[in-house]
Structure formats: structure tokens, C-alpha cells
Amino acid sequence: MSVEALSAALAAEHAAIFGYGVAGAYLSGDARNLARQAESAHRDRRDAVALRIEAAGGQLVAAAPAYDLPVQVTDAASAMRLATALEEGAAGAWRDALGATVDDERQLALDAFIACAVMATRWREAANITPLTVTYPGTT
């Protein structure tokens, strides 16, 4: 197992959770529900990867008190662009973990990568961003 790759994914999960806290303040209705669903998924993945790192004897990456966000959020439209960017960032970290993991850890990385890519597509759809899908999720 690559503790380093999983630690990078853990850091990306921390950042996504923080970012959804910011985005959620500007969202309502279905978009807010989607943000809650996405944040919950990131929390679950954060916990799962933290358990893997601890089991391997690795040191957990702590969440930062704040993160520089890739999108300045001022309204619902920018909050949805932020959510898309958060998913792309997490997808990138999980994509990187794919090459450094095997067996159960690789399955965790693959499932997380796919989930982030799908959620990014859902955010693009909600925000009317085209194209809805990208060739290599996590590289934008």
C-alpha cells in the first residue's frame, strides 16, 4: 500500500469537505441537497481512507483550519462551480492513488475516483456547464 498516495487522497477529502461548507451557504433547494449528499460521501471516504492509513501504521494528514479555494464564491452559480472544482480535485488525487495501490486499496481508489467524476458531472449539469463530462476526470 502507498501511504503517500492515500495521504494525498485524504488531504483532498479534507479540502472537499471544507469547500462544501462554503458552497452550501450559497445554495438552496436541490443544489443544497446535492451538496449535502456530496459532502457526506466525502466524509465517508475520508473516514475509510483514514482507517486504511492507520492500519498500515501511517501518520494521518490533519485537516487544515482553512483552504485556498479554486473558485471565489459569491452566489449560487459560483458555489456550483466550486463544487465542480472540488470534485475534480478529489478525482485527481484518487486517480493518482490508482497507480500506487493494489487489491483492496486500489478498489477504494477506483470507487472514489468514479464517484468524484460522477458527482462533478452532476454539478456541471446543475450549473449548466458544458461539456458535462471530461475525457480525463481530475485533470481540469
N, C-alpha and C. Protein backbone atom coordinates (compact mmCIF):
# COMPACT_ATOMS: atom_id res chain seq x y z
N MET A 1 0.84 -1.18 0.00
CA MET A 1 0.00 0.00 0.00
C MET A 1 0.88 1.23 0.00
N SER A 2 0.45 2.24 -0.72
CA SER A 2 1.16 3.50 -0.73
C SER A 2 0.48 4.48 0.22
N VAL A 3 1.07 4.60 1.40
CA VAL A 3 0.53 5.54 2.38
C VAL A 3 0.59 6.95 1.83
N GLU A 4 1.63 7.25 1.06
CA GLU A 4 1.78 8.60 0.50
C GLU A 4 0.62 8.95 -0.43
N ALA A 5 0.27 8.05 -1.33
CA ALA A 5 -0.83 8.31 -2.26
C ALA A 5 -2.16 8.40 -1.53
N LEU A 6 -2.38 7.53 -0.59
CA LEU A 6 -3.63 7.59 0.17
C LEU A 6 -3.67 8.83 1.05
N SER A 7 -2.53 9.28 1.53
CA SER A 7 -2.49 10.51 2.33
C SER A 7 -2.85 11.72 1.47
N ALA A 8 -2.41 11.73 0.23
CA ALA A 8 -2.78 12.81 -0.69
C ALA A 8 -4.28 12.80 -0.94
N ALA A 9 -4.85 11.61 -1.08
CA ALA A 9 -6.30 11.50 -1.25
C ALA A 9 -7.03 11.96 0.01
N LEU A 10 -6.49 11.63 1.17
CA LEU A 10 -7.08 12.08 2.43
C LEU A 10 -7.07 13.60 2.49
N ALA A 11 -5.97 14.22 2.11
CA ALA A 11 -5.89 15.68 2.11
C ALA A 11 -6.92 16.28 1.15
N ALA A 12 -7.13 15.65 0.01
CA ALA A 12 -8.13 16.14 -0.94
C ALA A 12 -9.54 16.00 -0.38
N GLU A 13 -9.78 14.94 0.37
CA GLU A 13 -11.10 14.77 1.01
C GLU A 13 -11.33 15.86 2.06
N HIS A 14 -10.30 16.17 2.84
CA HIS A 14 -10.41 17.26 3.82
C HIS A 14 -10.78 18.57 3.11
N ALA A 15 -10.09 18.86 2.02
CA ALA A 15 -10.32 20.10 1.28
C ALA A 15 -11.74 20.14 0.72
N ALA A 16 -12.21 19.01 0.19
CA ALA A 16 -13.56 18.96 -0.36
C ALA A 16 -14.60 19.21 0.72
N ILE A 17 -14.42 18.61 1.86
CA ILE A 17 -15.37 18.81 2.96
C ILE A 17 -15.41 20.28 3.37
N PHE A 18 -14.25 20.91 3.48
CA PHE A 18 -14.20 22.34 3.81
C PHE A 18 -14.93 23.14 2.73
N GLY A 19 -14.62 22.85 1.47
CA GLY A 19 -15.21 23.61 0.37
C GLY A 19 -16.72 23.49 0.31
N TYR A 20 -17.23 22.32 0.62
CA TYR A 20 -18.69 22.17 0.62
C TYR A 20 -19.33 22.99 1.74
N GLY A 21 -18.62 23.21 2.82
CA GLY A 21 -19.14 24.08 3.87
C GLY A 21 -19.32 25.50 3.37
N VAL A 22 -18.41 25.94 2.53
CA VAL A 22 -18.50 27.28 1.93
C VAL A 22 -19.61 27.30 0.88
N ALA A 23 -19.57 26.35 -0.04
CA ALA A 23 -20.55 26.33 -1.12
C ALA A 23 -21.98 26.21 -0.59
N GLY A 24 -22.16 25.38 0.42
CA GLY A 24 -23.50 25.14 0.94
C GLY A 24 -24.20 26.39 1.46
N ALA A 25 -23.42 27.35 1.90
CA ALA A 25 -24.01 28.59 2.41
C ALA A 25 -24.70 29.40 1.31
N TYR A 26 -24.37 29.13 0.06
CA TYR A 26 -24.93 29.88 -1.06
C TYR A 26 -25.95 29.09 -1.87
N LEU A 27 -26.21 27.87 -1.47
CA LEU A 27 -27.10 27.00 -2.23
C LEU A 27 -28.42 26.80 -1.52
N SER A 28 -29.44 26.47 -2.29
CA SER A 28 -30.74 26.16 -1.71
C SER A 28 -31.39 25.06 -2.54
N GLY A 29 -32.47 24.52 -2.02
CA GLY A 29 -33.25 23.53 -2.75
C GLY A 29 -32.46 22.30 -3.14
N ASP A 30 -32.65 21.88 -4.40
CA ASP A 30 -31.99 20.67 -4.90
C ASP A 30 -30.47 20.78 -4.87
N ALA A 31 -29.95 21.96 -5.15
CA ALA A 31 -28.50 22.15 -5.15
C ALA A 31 -27.94 21.97 -3.74
N ARG A 32 -28.62 22.47 -2.75
CA ARG A 32 -28.16 22.29 -1.37
C ARG A 32 -28.22 20.81 -0.98
N ASN A 33 -29.27 20.12 -1.41
CA ASN A 33 -29.38 18.69 -1.12
C ASN A 33 -28.25 17.91 -1.80
N LEU A 34 -27.90 18.29 -3.02
CA LEU A 34 -26.80 17.64 -3.72
C LEU A 34 -25.48 17.91 -2.99
N ALA A 35 -25.31 19.12 -2.50
CA ALA A 35 -24.09 19.46 -1.75
C ALA A 35 -24.01 18.64 -0.46
N ARG A 36 -25.12 18.48 0.21
CA ARG A 36 -25.13 17.66 1.44
C ARG A 36 -24.76 16.21 1.12
N GLN A 37 -25.32 15.69 0.04
CA GLN A 37 -25.03 14.32 -0.37
C GLN A 37 -23.55 14.18 -0.70
N ALA A 38 -23.02 15.13 -1.44
CA ALA A 38 -21.60 15.07 -1.82
C ALA A 38 -20.69 15.19 -0.60
N GLU A 39 -21.01 16.12 0.28
CA GLU A 39 -20.18 16.28 1.49
C GLU A 39 -20.20 15.01 2.33
N SER A 40 -21.36 14.41 2.45
CA SER A 40 -21.46 13.16 3.22
C SER A 40 -20.60 12.06 2.58
N ALA A 41 -20.61 11.98 1.27
CA ALA A 41 -19.78 10.98 0.58
C ALA A 41 -18.30 11.24 0.84
N HIS A 42 -17.90 12.51 0.82
CA HIS A 42 -16.50 12.84 1.10
C HIS A 42 -16.14 12.50 2.55
N ARG A 43 -17.04 12.73 3.46
CA ARG A 43 -16.78 12.37 4.86
C ARG A 43 -16.61 10.85 5.01
N ASP A 44 -17.47 10.10 4.34
CA ASP A 44 -17.36 8.64 4.39
C ASP A 44 -16.03 8.17 3.80
N ARG A 45 -15.65 8.75 2.65
CA ARG A 45 -14.36 8.37 2.05
C ARG A 45 -13.19 8.80 2.92
N ARG A 46 -13.29 9.98 3.51
CA ARG A 46 -12.23 10.43 4.42
C ARG A 46 -12.04 9.43 5.55
N ASP A 47 -13.13 9.00 6.13
CA ASP A 47 -13.04 8.05 7.25
C ASP A 47 -12.49 6.71 6.79
N ALA A 48 -12.91 6.25 5.61
CA ALA A 48 -12.44 4.95 5.11
C ALA A 48 -10.95 4.98 4.81
N VAL A 49 -10.48 6.04 4.17
CA VAL A 49 -9.05 6.10 3.84
C VAL A 49 -8.22 6.33 5.09
N ALA A 50 -8.74 7.07 6.05
CA ALA A 50 -8.01 7.27 7.32
C ALA A 50 -7.82 5.94 8.04
N LEU A 51 -8.84 5.11 8.03
CA LEU A 51 -8.71 3.79 8.65
C LEU A 51 -7.64 2.96 7.96
N ARG A 52 -7.57 3.03 6.63
CA ARG A 52 -6.56 2.27 5.88
C ARG A 52 -5.15 2.76 6.22
N ILE A 53 -4.99 4.06 6.29
CA ILE A 53 -3.67 4.64 6.60
C ILE A 53 -3.25 4.26 8.00
N GLU A 54 -4.15 4.36 8.95
CA GLU A 54 -3.83 3.99 10.33
C GLU A 54 -3.49 2.51 10.43
N ALA A 55 -4.24 1.66 9.74
CA ALA A 55 -3.98 0.22 9.78
C ALA A 55 -2.60 -0.12 9.22
N ALA A 56 -2.12 0.70 8.29
CA ALA A 56 -0.80 0.48 7.71
C ALA A 56 0.31 1.13 8.54
N GLY A 57 -0.08 1.75 9.66
CA GLY A 57 0.91 2.39 10.51
C GLY A 57 1.33 3.77 10.05
N GLY A 58 0.58 4.33 9.13
CA GLY A 58 0.90 5.67 8.61
C GLY A 58 0.39 6.77 9.51
N GLN A 59 0.93 7.94 9.31
CA GLN A 59 0.51 9.15 10.04
C GLN A 59 -0.60 9.84 9.25
N LEU A 60 -1.68 10.15 9.92
CA LEU A 60 -2.80 10.80 9.24
C LEU A 60 -2.50 12.27 8.96
N VAL A 61 -2.89 12.70 7.78
CA VAL A 61 -2.82 14.11 7.41
C VAL A 61 -3.99 14.82 8.10
N ALA A 62 -3.67 15.85 8.87
CA ALA A 62 -4.73 16.59 9.56
C ALA A 62 -5.40 17.57 8.61
N ALA A 63 -6.64 17.85 8.87
CA ALA A 63 -7.34 18.87 8.10
C ALA A 63 -6.78 20.23 8.47
N ALA A 64 -6.66 21.10 7.49
CA ALA A 64 -6.21 22.46 7.73
C ALA A 64 -7.38 23.27 8.30
N PRO A 65 -7.08 24.35 9.02
CA PRO A 65 -8.18 25.18 9.53
C PRO A 65 -8.94 25.88 8.40
N ALA A 66 -8.28 26.12 7.27
CA ALA A 66 -8.91 26.74 6.11
C ALA A 66 -8.13 26.34 4.86
N TYR A 67 -8.76 26.48 3.72
CA TYR A 67 -8.15 26.11 2.45
C TYR A 67 -8.33 27.25 1.45
N ASP A 68 -7.34 27.43 0.58
CA ASP A 68 -7.50 28.33 -0.56
C ASP A 68 -8.40 27.63 -1.56
N LEU A 69 -9.52 28.23 -1.84
CA LEU A 69 -10.48 27.59 -2.74
C LEU A 69 -10.21 28.01 -4.18
N PRO A 70 -10.41 27.11 -5.13
CA PRO A 70 -10.12 27.41 -6.54
C PRO A 70 -11.14 28.34 -7.20
N VAL A 71 -12.24 28.60 -6.53
CA VAL A 71 -13.29 29.48 -7.06
C VAL A 71 -13.73 30.39 -5.93
N GLN A 72 -13.80 31.68 -6.22
CA GLN A 72 -14.34 32.62 -5.23
C GLN A 72 -15.86 32.52 -5.27
N VAL A 73 -16.46 32.27 -4.12
CA VAL A 73 -17.90 32.03 -4.06
C VAL A 73 -18.61 33.30 -3.62
N THR A 74 -19.53 33.75 -4.48
CA THR A 74 -20.31 34.95 -4.17
C THR A 74 -21.80 34.73 -4.38
N ASP A 75 -22.16 33.62 -5.01
CA ASP A 75 -23.56 33.33 -5.30
C ASP A 75 -23.72 31.84 -5.60
N ALA A 76 -24.93 31.45 -5.93
CA ALA A 76 -25.20 30.02 -6.17
C ALA A 76 -24.42 29.50 -7.39
N ALA A 77 -24.32 30.30 -8.44
CA ALA A 77 -23.61 29.85 -9.64
C ALA A 77 -22.14 29.58 -9.34
N SER A 78 -21.51 30.48 -8.60
CA SER A 78 -20.09 30.26 -8.27
C SER A 78 -19.93 29.13 -7.26
N ALA A 79 -20.93 28.92 -6.40
CA ALA A 79 -20.89 27.80 -5.46
C ALA A 79 -20.93 26.48 -6.21
N MET A 80 -21.70 26.40 -7.28
CA MET A 80 -21.75 25.18 -8.08
C MET A 80 -20.46 24.99 -8.87
N ARG A 81 -19.85 26.07 -9.32
CA ARG A 81 -18.54 25.94 -9.98
C ARG A 81 -17.50 25.46 -8.98
N LEU A 82 -17.58 25.95 -7.73
CA LEU A 82 -16.67 25.47 -6.70
C LEU A 82 -16.89 23.98 -6.46
N ALA A 83 -18.13 23.55 -6.35
CA ALA A 83 -18.42 22.13 -6.12
C ALA A 83 -17.83 21.27 -7.24
N THR A 84 -17.96 21.74 -8.48
CA THR A 84 -17.37 21.02 -9.60
C THR A 84 -15.86 20.92 -9.44
N ALA A 85 -15.23 22.02 -9.07
CA ALA A 85 -13.78 22.04 -8.88
C ALA A 85 -13.36 21.15 -7.72
N LEU A 86 -14.14 21.11 -6.66
CA LEU A 86 -13.82 20.24 -5.53
C LEU A 86 -13.83 18.78 -5.96
N GLU A 87 -14.82 18.41 -6.73
CA GLU A 87 -14.91 17.03 -7.20
C GLU A 87 -13.77 16.69 -8.15
N GLU A 88 -13.41 17.63 -9.01
CA GLU A 88 -12.29 17.41 -9.92
C GLU A 88 -10.98 17.26 -9.13
N GLY A 89 -10.81 18.08 -8.10
CA GLY A 89 -9.59 17.97 -7.28
C GLY A 89 -9.50 16.64 -6.57
N ALA A 90 -10.60 16.20 -6.00
CA ALA A 90 -10.61 14.91 -5.32
C ALA A 90 -10.42 13.78 -6.32
N ALA A 91 -11.05 13.89 -7.49
CA ALA A 91 -10.88 12.86 -8.52
C ALA A 91 -9.42 12.74 -8.91
N GLY A 92 -8.74 13.87 -9.03
CA GLY A 92 -7.32 13.85 -9.38
C GLY A 92 -6.48 13.12 -8.35
N ALA A 93 -6.75 13.38 -7.08
CA ALA A 93 -5.99 12.70 -6.02
C ALA A 93 -6.26 11.21 -6.03
N TRP A 94 -7.50 10.82 -6.24
CA TRP A 94 -7.83 9.39 -6.27
C TRP A 94 -7.28 8.74 -7.53
N ARG A 95 -7.28 9.46 -8.67
CA ARG A 95 -6.69 8.93 -9.90
C ARG A 95 -5.21 8.64 -9.68
N ASP A 96 -4.52 9.57 -9.02
CA ASP A 96 -3.10 9.36 -8.72
C ASP A 96 -2.90 8.16 -7.81
N ALA A 97 -3.83 7.94 -6.89
CA ALA A 97 -3.71 6.81 -5.96
C ALA A 97 -3.88 5.47 -6.67
N LEU A 98 -4.58 5.47 -7.80
CA LEU A 98 -4.80 4.21 -8.52
C LEU A 98 -3.49 3.52 -8.90
N GLY A 99 -2.53 4.30 -9.36
CA GLY A 99 -1.28 3.72 -9.79
C GLY A 99 -0.37 3.28 -8.67
N ALA A 100 -0.65 3.72 -7.48
CA ALA A 100 0.22 3.42 -6.34
C ALA A 100 -0.38 2.40 -5.38
N THR A 101 -1.54 1.86 -5.73
CA THR A 101 -2.22 0.94 -4.81
C THR A 101 -2.48 -0.39 -5.49
N VAL A 102 -2.80 -1.38 -4.68
CA VAL A 102 -3.15 -2.71 -5.17
C VAL A 102 -4.33 -3.24 -4.36
N ASP A 103 -4.97 -4.24 -4.90
CA ASP A 103 -6.01 -5.00 -4.20
C ASP A 103 -7.10 -4.10 -3.63
N ASP A 104 -7.40 -4.25 -2.33
CA ASP A 104 -8.50 -3.51 -1.70
C ASP A 104 -8.29 -2.01 -1.75
N GLU A 105 -7.05 -1.56 -1.61
CA GLU A 105 -6.78 -0.13 -1.65
C GLU A 105 -7.04 0.42 -3.06
N ARG A 106 -6.68 -0.35 -4.07
CA ARG A 106 -6.95 0.08 -5.44
C ARG A 106 -8.45 0.15 -5.69
N GLN A 107 -9.19 -0.81 -5.15
CA GLN A 107 -10.65 -0.77 -5.31
C GLN A 107 -11.22 0.47 -4.64
N LEU A 108 -10.73 0.79 -3.45
CA LEU A 108 -11.16 2.01 -2.77
C LEU A 108 -10.87 3.23 -3.63
N ALA A 109 -9.66 3.30 -4.19
CA ALA A 109 -9.28 4.43 -5.02
C ALA A 109 -10.15 4.51 -6.28
N LEU A 110 -10.39 3.36 -6.91
CA LEU A 110 -11.21 3.33 -8.12
C LEU A 110 -12.64 3.77 -7.83
N ASP A 111 -13.23 3.23 -6.77
CA ASP A 111 -14.59 3.62 -6.41
C ASP A 111 -14.68 5.11 -6.11
N ALA A 112 -13.69 5.64 -5.40
CA ALA A 112 -13.68 7.07 -5.06
C ALA A 112 -13.51 7.92 -6.31
N PHE A 113 -12.60 7.51 -7.19
CA PHE A 113 -12.37 8.24 -8.43
C PHE A 113 -13.66 8.32 -9.25
N ILE A 114 -14.32 7.19 -9.41
CA ILE A 114 -15.56 7.15 -10.19
C ILE A 114 -16.63 8.02 -9.53
N ALA A 115 -16.77 7.92 -8.21
CA ALA A 115 -17.79 8.70 -7.50
C ALA A 115 -17.55 10.20 -7.67
N CYS A 116 -16.29 10.63 -7.58
CA CYS A 116 -15.98 12.05 -7.75
C CYS A 116 -16.25 12.50 -9.18
N ALA A 117 -15.89 11.67 -10.16
CA ALA A 117 -16.13 12.01 -11.56
C ALA A 117 -17.63 12.13 -11.85
N VAL A 118 -18.40 11.22 -11.31
CA VAL A 118 -19.85 11.27 -11.50
C VAL A 118 -20.44 12.51 -10.82
N MET A 119 -19.98 12.82 -9.61
CA MET A 119 -20.51 13.99 -8.91
C MET A 119 -20.11 15.28 -9.64
N ALA A 120 -18.92 15.33 -10.19
CA ALA A 120 -18.52 16.50 -10.97
C ALA A 120 -19.46 16.69 -12.16
N THR A 121 -19.83 15.59 -12.79
CA THR A 121 -20.77 15.66 -13.91
C THR A 121 -22.12 16.16 -13.44
N ARG A 122 -22.56 15.70 -12.30
CA ARG A 122 -23.85 16.16 -11.76
C ARG A 122 -23.82 17.67 -11.48
N TRP A 123 -22.68 18.15 -10.98
CA TRP A 123 -22.55 19.59 -10.72
C TRP A 123 -22.51 20.38 -12.02
N ARG A 124 -21.82 19.86 -13.03
CA ARG A 124 -21.79 20.56 -14.32
C ARG A 124 -23.21 20.67 -14.88
N GLU A 125 -23.96 19.59 -14.74
CA GLU A 125 -25.34 19.62 -15.22
C GLU A 125 -26.15 20.65 -14.45
N ALA A 126 -26.04 20.65 -13.14
CA ALA A 126 -26.80 21.60 -12.31
C ALA A 126 -26.43 23.05 -12.62
N ALA A 127 -25.16 23.27 -12.96
CA ALA A 127 -24.66 24.63 -13.22
C ALA A 127 -24.71 25.00 -14.70
N ASN A 128 -25.23 24.09 -15.53
CA ASN A 128 -25.28 24.33 -16.98
C ASN A 128 -23.90 24.58 -17.57
N ILE A 129 -22.92 23.81 -17.10
CA ILE A 129 -21.56 23.89 -17.61
C ILE A 129 -21.40 22.80 -18.66
N THR A 130 -20.90 23.17 -19.82
CA THR A 130 -20.65 22.18 -20.86
C THR A 130 -19.17 22.16 -21.19
N PRO A 131 -18.66 21.05 -21.60
CA PRO A 131 -19.37 19.77 -21.70
C PRO A 131 -19.64 19.20 -20.31
N LEU A 132 -20.61 18.33 -20.23
CA LEU A 132 -20.97 17.73 -18.95
C LEU A 132 -19.90 16.77 -18.45
N THR A 133 -19.25 16.10 -19.36
CA THR A 133 -18.21 15.15 -18.98
C THR A 133 -16.88 15.61 -19.56
N VAL A 134 -15.81 15.11 -18.94
CA VAL A 134 -14.47 15.41 -19.43
C VAL A 134 -13.77 14.10 -19.73
N THR A 135 -12.81 14.16 -20.61
CA THR A 135 -12.11 12.94 -21.04
C THR A 135 -11.35 12.30 -19.90
N TYR A 136 -10.61 13.10 -19.16
CA TYR A 136 -9.80 12.59 -18.05
C TYR A 136 -10.21 13.31 -16.77
N PRO A 137 -11.20 12.77 -16.04
CA PRO A 137 -11.62 13.42 -14.80
C PRO A 137 -10.44 13.63 -13.85
N GLY A 138 -10.45 14.78 -13.22
CA GLY A 138 -9.40 15.08 -12.25
C GLY A 138 -8.20 15.77 -12.86
N THR A 139 -8.26 16.12 -14.14
CA THR A 139 -7.13 16.81 -14.76
C THR A 139 -7.44 18.25 -15.08
N THR A 140 -8.65 18.68 -14.81
CA THR A 140 -9.01 20.08 -15.11
C THR A 140 -8.76 20.98 -13.94
